[in-house]
C-alpha atoms as a PDB file:
ATOM      1  CA  MET A   1       7.684  30.149 -14.965  1.00  0.00           C
ATOM      2  CA  VAL A   2       8.015  33.809 -15.855  1.00  0.00           C
ATOM      3  CA  SER A   3       7.833  34.536 -19.587  1.00  0.00           C
ATOM      4  CA  SER A   4      11.130  35.075 -21.408  1.00  0.00           C
ATOM      5  CA  ASN A   5      10.357  38.784 -21.759  1.00  0.00           C
ATOM      6  CA  VAL A   6      10.008  39.151 -17.994  1.00  0.00           C
ATOM      7  CA  ASN A   7      13.209  37.216 -17.312  1.00  0.00           C
ATOM      8  CA  ASN A   8      15.089  39.224 -19.921  1.00  0.00           C
ATOM      9  CA  ARG A   9      14.005  42.488 -18.327  1.00  0.00           C
ATOM     10  CA  LEU A  10      14.698  41.437 -14.763  1.00  0.00           C
ATOM     11  CA  ASN A  11      17.980  39.616 -15.360  1.00  0.00           C
ATOM     12  CA  SER A  12      19.515  41.776 -18.066  1.00  0.00           C
ATOM     13  CA  SER A  13      23.022  42.934 -17.233  1.00  0.00           C
ATOM     14  CA  GLN A  14      22.162  46.252 -18.845  1.00  0.00           C
ATOM     15  CA  ARG A  15      19.087  47.213 -16.839  1.00  0.00           C
ATOM     16  CA  LYS A  16      16.392  49.073 -18.713  1.00  0.00           C
ATOM     17  CA  VAL A  17      13.857  51.514 -17.299  1.00  0.00           C
ATOM     18  CA  ILE A  18      10.560  49.608 -17.254  1.00  0.00           C
ATOM     19  CA  ARG A  19       8.467  52.400 -15.749  1.00  0.00           C
ATOM     20  CA  LEU A  20       6.534  54.568 -18.193  1.00  0.00           C
ATOM     21  CA  PRO A  21       7.971  58.077 -18.489  1.00  0.00           C
ATOM     22  CA  ASN A  22       5.682  60.852 -17.247  1.00  0.00           C
ATOM     23  CA  TYR A  23       3.122  58.326 -15.926  1.00  0.00           C
ATOM     24  CA  ASP A  24       1.716  59.035 -12.451  1.00  0.00           C
ATOM     25  CA  TYR A  25       1.820  55.707 -10.634  1.00  0.00           C
ATOM     26  CA  ALA A  26      -0.225  57.190  -7.777  1.00  0.00           C
ATOM     27  CA  GLN A  27      -3.281  57.817  -9.942  1.00  0.00           C
ATOM     28  CA  PRO A  28      -6.270  55.437  -9.911  1.00  0.00           C
ATOM     29  CA  GLY A  29      -5.662  52.421 -12.129  1.00  0.00           C
ATOM     30  CA  ALA A  30      -4.609  48.774 -12.158  1.00  0.00           C
ATOM     31  CA  TYR A  31      -1.198  47.164 -12.573  1.00  0.00           C
ATOM     32  CA  PHE A  32      -0.049  43.654 -13.441  1.00  0.00           C
ATOM     33  CA  VAL A  33       3.024  43.101 -11.268  1.00  0.00           C
ATOM     34  CA  THR A  34       5.698  40.395 -11.254  1.00  0.00           C
ATOM     35  CA  ILE A  35       8.366  40.062  -8.551  1.00  0.00           C
ATOM     36  CA  CYS A  36      11.090  37.397  -8.747  1.00  0.00           C
ATOM     37  CA  THR A  37      13.269  35.864  -6.073  1.00  0.00           C
ATOM     38  CA  GLN A  38      17.000  36.558  -6.047  1.00  0.00           C
ATOM     39  CA  LYS A  39      18.731  34.277  -8.573  1.00  0.00           C
ATOM     40  CA  ASN A  40      15.292  32.739  -9.271  1.00  0.00           C
ATOM     41  CA  LYS A  41      15.683  30.521  -6.220  1.00  0.00           C
ATOM     42  CA  SER A  42      12.647  28.366  -5.417  1.00  0.00           C
ATOM     43  CA  CYS A  43      11.807  29.519  -1.888  1.00  0.00           C
ATOM     44  CA  PHE A  44       8.018  29.320  -1.801  1.00  0.00           C
ATOM     45  CA  GLY A  45       7.156  25.751  -2.763  1.00  0.00           C
ATOM     46  CA  VAL A  46       7.473  23.132  -5.479  1.00  0.00           C
ATOM     47  CA  VAL A  47       5.669  22.107  -8.641  1.00  0.00           C
ATOM     48  CA  THR A  48       4.970  18.364  -8.760  1.00  0.00           C
ATOM     49  CA  LYS A  49       3.742  16.307 -11.700  1.00  0.00           C
ATOM     50  CA  ASP A  50       0.175  17.292 -10.867  1.00  0.00           C
ATOM     51  CA  GLU A  51       0.058  20.542  -8.916  1.00  0.00           C
ATOM     52  CA  LEU A  52       1.681  23.539  -7.276  1.00  0.00           C
ATOM     53  CA  LEU A  53       2.425  22.978  -3.589  1.00  0.00           C
ATOM     54  CA  LEU A  54       3.197  26.064  -1.516  1.00  0.00           C
ATOM     55  CA  ASN A  55       5.297  25.730   1.627  1.00  0.00           C
ATOM     56  CA  ASP A  56       5.010  27.906   4.754  1.00  0.00           C
ATOM     57  CA  ALA A  57       7.025  30.644   3.046  1.00  0.00           C
ATOM     58  CA  GLY A  58       4.628  30.657   0.105  1.00  0.00           C
ATOM     59  CA  ARG A  59       1.646  30.980   2.426  1.00  0.00           C
ATOM     60  CA  MET A  60       3.455  33.817   4.186  1.00  0.00           C
ATOM     61  CA  ILE A  61       3.694  35.657   0.852  1.00  0.00           C
ATOM     62  CA  GLU A  62      -0.069  35.278   0.433  1.00  0.00           C
ATOM     63  CA  LYS A  63      -0.669  36.689   3.902  1.00  0.00           C
ATOM     64  CA  TRP A  64       1.413  39.819   3.316  1.00  0.00           C
ATOM     65  CA  TYR A  65      -0.166  40.408  -0.073  1.00  0.00           C
ATOM     66  CA  PHE A  66      -3.554  40.927   1.560  1.00  0.00           C
ATOM     67  CA  GLU A  67      -1.984  42.980   4.340  1.00  0.00           C
ATOM     68  CA  VAL A  68      -1.214  45.539   1.625  1.00  0.00           C
ATOM     69  CA  MET A  69      -4.865  46.625   1.777  1.00  0.00           C
ATOM     70  CA  SER A  70      -4.575  47.305   5.520  1.00  0.00           C
ATOM     71  CA  LYS A  71      -1.440  49.377   5.063  1.00  0.00           C
ATOM     72  CA  PHE A  72      -2.621  51.268   1.957  1.00  0.00           C
ATOM     73  CA  GLN A  73      -6.301  52.149   2.239  1.00  0.00           C
ATOM     74  CA  ASP A  74      -6.596  53.148  -1.441  1.00  0.00           C
ATOM     75  CA  ILE A  75      -5.284  49.810  -2.723  1.00  0.00           C
ATOM     76  CA  LYS A  76      -7.265  46.718  -3.647  1.00  0.00           C
ATOM     77  CA  CYS A  77      -5.500  43.358  -4.024  1.00  0.00           C
ATOM     78  CA  CYS A  78      -6.962  41.357  -6.894  1.00  0.00           C
ATOM     79  CA  GLU A  79      -5.934  38.174  -8.735  1.00  0.00           C
ATOM     80  CA  TYR A  80      -2.589  36.707  -7.704  1.00  0.00           C
ATOM     81  CA  VAL A  81      -0.477  33.564  -7.698  1.00  0.00           C
ATOM     82  CA  VAL A  82       2.562  32.596  -5.640  1.00  0.00           C
ATOM     83  CA  MET A  83       4.957  30.442  -7.642  1.00  0.00           C
ATOM     84  CA  PRO A  84       8.088  28.733  -6.251  1.00  0.00           C
ATOM     85  CA  ASN A  85      10.400  31.534  -7.424  1.00  0.00           C
ATOM     86  CA  HIS A  86       8.152  34.467  -8.359  1.00  0.00           C
ATOM     87  CA  PHE A  87       4.895  36.231  -7.595  1.00  0.00           C
ATOM     88  CA  HIS A  88       2.250  37.630  -9.957  1.00  0.00           C
ATOM     89  CA  CYS A  89      -0.584  39.911  -8.937  1.00  0.00           C
ATOM     90  CA  ILE A  90      -2.991  42.590 -10.091  1.00  0.00           C
ATOM     91  CA  ILE A  91      -2.988  45.649  -7.838  1.00  0.00           C
ATOM     92  CA  GLU A  92      -5.740  48.213  -8.208  1.00  0.00           C
ATOM     93  CA  ASN A  93      -5.344  51.779  -6.989  1.00  0.00           C
ATOM     94  CA  VAL A  94      -8.931  52.810  -6.323  1.00  0.00           C
ATOM     95  CA  GLY A  95      -8.042  56.474  -5.883  1.00  0.00           C
ATOM     96  CA  ALA A  96      -7.405  59.100  -3.270  1.00  0.00           C
ATOM     97  CA  ASP A  97      -8.804  59.028   0.233  1.00  0.00           C
ATOM     98  CA  LEU A  98     -10.931  62.129   0.821  1.00  0.00           C
ATOM     99  CA  ARG A  99      -9.224  62.532   4.196  1.00  0.00           C
ATOM    100  CA  VAL A 100      -6.079  63.712   2.403  1.00  0.00           C
ATOM    101  CA  CYS A 101      -6.381  67.425   3.030  1.00  0.00           C
ATOM    102  CA  PRO A 102      -3.737  70.005   3.986  1.00  0.00           C
ATOM    103  CA  GLU A 103      -6.156  71.690   6.443  1.00  0.00           C
ATOM    104  CA  CYS A 104      -6.852  68.386   8.182  1.00  0.00           C
ATOM    105  CA  SER A 105      -3.138  67.740   8.343  1.00  0.00           C
ATOM    106  CA  ARG A 106      -2.559  70.967  10.277  1.00  0.00           C
ATOM    107  CA  LYS A 107      -5.454  70.382  12.692  1.00  0.00           C
ATOM    108  CA  SER A 108      -4.891  66.692  13.375  1.00  0.00           C
ATOM    109  CA  SER A 109      -3.020  65.524  16.451  1.00  0.00           C
ATOM    110  CA  SER A 110      -0.005  63.247  16.210  1.00  0.00           C
ATOM    111  CA  ALA A 111      -2.187  60.319  17.344  1.00  0.00           C
ATOM    112  CA  ASP A 112      -4.610  61.008  14.508  1.00  0.00           C
ATOM    113  CA  ASN A 113      -1.736  61.151  12.050  1.00  0.00           C
ATOM    114  CA  ASP A 114      -0.540  57.739  13.235  1.00  0.00           C
ATOM    115  CA  SER A 115      -3.954  56.187  12.638  1.00  0.00           C
ATOM    116  CA  LEU A 116      -4.693  57.900   9.327  1.00  0.00           C
ATOM    117  CA  GLY A 117      -1.224  57.992   7.842  1.00  0.00           C
ATOM    118  CA  ASN A 118       0.529  61.063   6.498  1.00  0.00           C
ATOM    119  CA  LEU A 119      -2.424  63.265   5.496  1.00  0.00           C
ATOM    120  CA  GLY A 120      -0.206  65.661   3.585  1.00  0.00           C
ATOM    121  CA  GLU A 121       1.079  63.013   1.163  1.00  0.00           C
ATOM    122  CA  HIS A 122       0.335  62.882  -2.539  1.00  0.00           C
ATOM    123  CA  ILE A 123      -3.147  61.480  -3.118  1.00  0.00           C
ATOM    124  CA  GLY A 124      -3.006  57.781  -3.834  1.00  0.00           C
ATOM    125  CA  SER A 125      -0.236  55.307  -2.981  1.00  0.00           C
ATOM    126  CA  PRO A 126       2.604  55.091  -5.544  1.00  0.00           C
ATOM    127  CA  LEU A 127       3.138  51.554  -6.825  1.00  0.00           C
ATOM    128  CA  GLN A 128       6.858  51.694  -6.079  1.00  0.00           C
ATOM    129  CA  ARG A 129       6.171  52.414  -2.408  1.00  0.00           C
ATOM    130  CA  ILE A 130       3.684  49.529  -2.195  1.00  0.00           C
ATOM    131  CA  ILE A 131       6.131  47.021  -3.681  1.00  0.00           C
ATOM    132  CA  GLN A 132       8.952  48.268  -1.456  1.00  0.00           C
ATOM    133  CA  TRP A 133       6.791  47.788   1.650  1.00  0.00           C
ATOM    134  CA  PHE A 134       5.679  44.321   0.508  1.00  0.00           C
ATOM    135  CA  LYS A 135       9.281  43.244  -0.114  1.00  0.00           C
ATOM    136  CA  THR A 136      10.394  44.567   3.266  1.00  0.00           C
ATOM    137  CA  MET A 137       7.628  42.846   5.225  1.00  0.00           C
ATOM    138  CA  THR A 138       8.042  39.487   3.483  1.00  0.00           C
ATOM    139  CA  THR A 139      11.833  39.594   3.753  1.00  0.00           C
ATOM    140  CA  ASN A 140      11.747  40.396   7.471  1.00  0.00           C
ATOM    141  CA  GLU A 141       9.349  37.547   8.252  1.00  0.00           C
ATOM    142  CA  TYR A 142      11.318  35.151   6.066  1.00  0.00           C
ATOM    143  CA  ILE A 143      14.525  35.996   7.949  1.00  0.00           C
ATOM    144  CA  ARG A 144      12.798  35.403  11.306  1.00  0.00           C
ATOM    145  CA  ASN A 145      11.667  31.980  10.147  1.00  0.00           C
ATOM    146  CA  VAL A 146      15.114  31.064   8.834  1.00  0.00           C
ATOM    147  CA  LYS A 147      16.435  31.680  12.358  1.00  0.00           C
ATOM    148  CA  GLN A 148      13.523  30.203  14.304  1.00  0.00           C
ATOM    149  CA  ASN A 149      12.024  27.489  12.109  1.00  0.00           C
ATOM    150  CA  GLY A 150      14.798  26.417   9.761  1.00  0.00           C
ATOM    151  CA  TRP A 151      13.410  27.849   6.538  1.00  0.00           C
ATOM    152  CA  GLN A 152      15.692  27.591   3.514  1.00  0.00           C
ATOM    153  CA  PRO A 153      18.189  30.483   3.738  1.00  0.00           C
ATOM    154  CA  PHE A 154      18.674  32.869   0.836  1.00  0.00           C
ATOM    155  CA  ASP A 155      21.779  34.606  -0.472  1.00  0.00           C
ATOM    156  CA  LYS A 156      21.832  38.259   0.731  1.00  0.00           C
ATOM    157  CA  LYS A 157      18.420  39.166  -0.707  1.00  0.00           C
ATOM    158  CA  LEU A 158      15.096  37.345  -0.888  1.00  0.00           C
ATOM    159  CA  TRP A 159      13.853  39.330  -3.899  1.00  0.00           C
ATOM    160  CA  GLN A 160      15.540  40.576  -7.030  1.00  0.00           C
ATOM    161  CA  ARG A 161      16.043  44.306  -7.281  1.00  0.00           C
ATOM    162  CA  GLY A 162      13.128  46.058  -8.930  1.00  0.00           C
ATOM    163  CA  TYR A 163      10.026  44.451 -10.367  1.00  0.00           C
ATOM    164  CA  TYR A 164       8.144  44.140 -13.631  1.00  0.00           C
ATOM    165  CA  GLU A 165       4.881  46.020 -14.065  1.00  0.00           C
ATOM    166  CA  HIS A 166       2.351  46.533 -16.830  1.00  0.00           C
ATOM    167  CA  VAL A 167      -0.226  49.315 -16.670  1.00  0.00           C
ATOM    168  CA  ILE A 168      -3.667  47.809 -17.312  1.00  0.00           C
ATOM    169  CA  ARG A 169      -5.514  50.281 -19.503  1.00  0.00           C
ATOM    170  CA  ASN A 170      -8.838  48.540 -20.134  1.00  0.00           C
ATOM    171  CA  GLU A 171     -10.997  45.531 -19.274  1.00  0.00           C
ATOM    172  CA  ALA A 172      -9.551  43.372 -22.047  1.00  0.00           C
ATOM    173  CA  GLU A 173      -6.013  43.833 -20.678  1.00  0.00           C
ATOM    174  CA  TRP A 174      -7.270  43.043 -17.173  1.00  0.00           C
ATOM    175  CA  LEU A 175      -8.869  39.784 -18.352  1.00  0.00           C
ATOM    176  CA  THR A 176      -5.704  38.813 -20.228  1.00  0.00           C
ATOM    177  CA  ALA A 177      -3.530  39.438 -17.157  1.00  0.00           C
ATOM    178  CA  ALA A 178      -5.957  37.626 -14.862  1.00  0.00           C
ATOM    179  CA  GLN A 179      -6.069  34.591 -17.162  1.00  0.00           C
ATOM    180  CA  TYR A 180      -2.276  34.514 -17.334  1.00  0.00           C
ATOM    181  CA  ILE A 181      -2.123  34.487 -13.535  1.00  0.00           C
ATOM    182  CA  LEU A 182      -4.718  31.717 -13.209  1.00  0.00           C
ATOM    183  CA  ASP A 183      -3.027  29.594 -15.896  1.00  0.00           C
ATOM    184  CA  ASN A 184       0.531  30.020 -14.597  1.00  0.00           C
ATOM    185  CA  PRO A 185       0.651  26.970 -12.260  1.00  0.00           C
ATOM    186  CA  LEU A 186      -0.891  24.708 -14.921  1.00  0.00           C
ATOM    187  CA  LYS A 187       1.616  25.898 -17.527  1.00  0.00           C
ATOM    188  CA  VAL A 188       4.514  25.034 -15.231  1.00  0.00           C
ATOM    189  CA  VAL A 189       3.056  21.575 -14.510  1.00  0.00           C
ATOM    190  CA  ILE A 190       2.596  20.920 -18.236  1.00  0.00           C
ATOM    191  CA  ASN A 191       6.110  22.156 -19.052  1.00  0.00           C
ATOM    192  CA  ASN A 192       7.624  19.962 -16.337  1.00  0.00           C
ATOM    193  CA  ASN A 193       5.715  16.931 -17.587  1.00  0.00           C
ATOM    194  CA  LEU A 194       6.798  17.626 -21.171  1.00  0.00           C
ATOM    195  CA  GLU A 195      10.422  17.966 -20.082  1.00  0.00           C
ATOM    196  CA  GLY A 196      10.128  14.652 -18.247  1.00  0.00           C
ATOM    197  CA  MET A 197       8.644  12.956 -21.308  1.00  0.00           C
ATOM    198  CA  VAL A 198      11.372  14.353 -23.573  1.00  0.00           C
ATOM    199  CA  LYS A 199      14.083  13.120 -21.215  1.00  0.00           C
ATOM    200  CA  LYS A 200      12.543   9.630 -21.165  1.00  0.00           C
ATOM    201  CA  VAL A 201      12.271   9.541 -24.959  1.00  0.00           C
ATOM    202  CA  CYS A 202      15.861  10.733 -25.383  1.00  0.00           C
ATOM    203  CA  HIS A 203      17.104   8.222 -22.818  1.00  0.00           C
ATOM    204  CA  SER A 204      15.267   5.388 -24.571  1.00  0.00           C
ATOM    205  CA  ALA A 205      16.697   6.464 -27.922  1.00  0.00           C
ATOM    206  CA  GLU A 206      20.211   6.496 -26.466  1.00  0.00           C
ATOM    207  CA  ARG A 207      19.740   3.008 -25.043  1.00  0.00           C
ATOM    208  CA  ARG A 208      18.541   1.704 -28.413  1.00  0.00           C
ATOM    209  CA  GLU A 209      21.581   3.256 -30.107  1.00  0.00           C
ATOM    210  CA  GLU A 210      23.910   1.599 -27.577  1.00  0.00           C
ATOM    211  CA  LYS A 211      22.347  -1.816 -28.163  1.00  0.00           C
ATOM    212  CA  SER A 212      22.537  -1.363 -31.924  1.00  0.00           C
ATOM    213  CA  PHE A 213      26.208  -0.350 -31.639  1.00  0.00           C
ATOM    214  CA  PHE A 214      27.182  -3.485 -29.699  1.00  0.00           C
ATOM    215  CA  ARG A 215      25.406  -5.730 -32.172  1.00  0.00           C
ATOM    216  CA  ILE A 216      27.593  -4.485 -35.060  1.00  0.00           C
END
């Protein structure tokens, strides 16, 4: 599950600006990103007593995550996890491509521009643009599979509006984010098992109270 802080930010009726003011999200750096499904609907798999099981939609999310590196040459996809109703990842912007040059932009043919991208753009790929592209690609493929393969339909939107991001400023923050991602499935399994145990204990207690009541 997403931490309460993440849910509060993403589901708050009074939306808050979660992007850092005056921070250049196109500069080299790393970001811990969380994206949640609309209404927190479990579209990408299930968590059983023992493990996380992704369905075809969950594996599709994995596929498009790594396609990000093909679309954005300055981006590296690092640790990630697809959960039933959200997605965590670490995205690293490794910096500007040296091909980005106004002179090259004027000399290049339209065919070259298609293969290299818009050479006159700001150096580096802004995080917001990356997430928007990822959401679009995954939503489009999900819709196709709803129509063709009977995937579970969603209500108007696959993803919630916006996303949560944390700028990773040093190695310690990277390791903390990476460990959180790796531990996320296990935490959900443990929480589910604990909830199941609590329900059983409560049910047993209720039964004992009922028997005691009828003996009086």
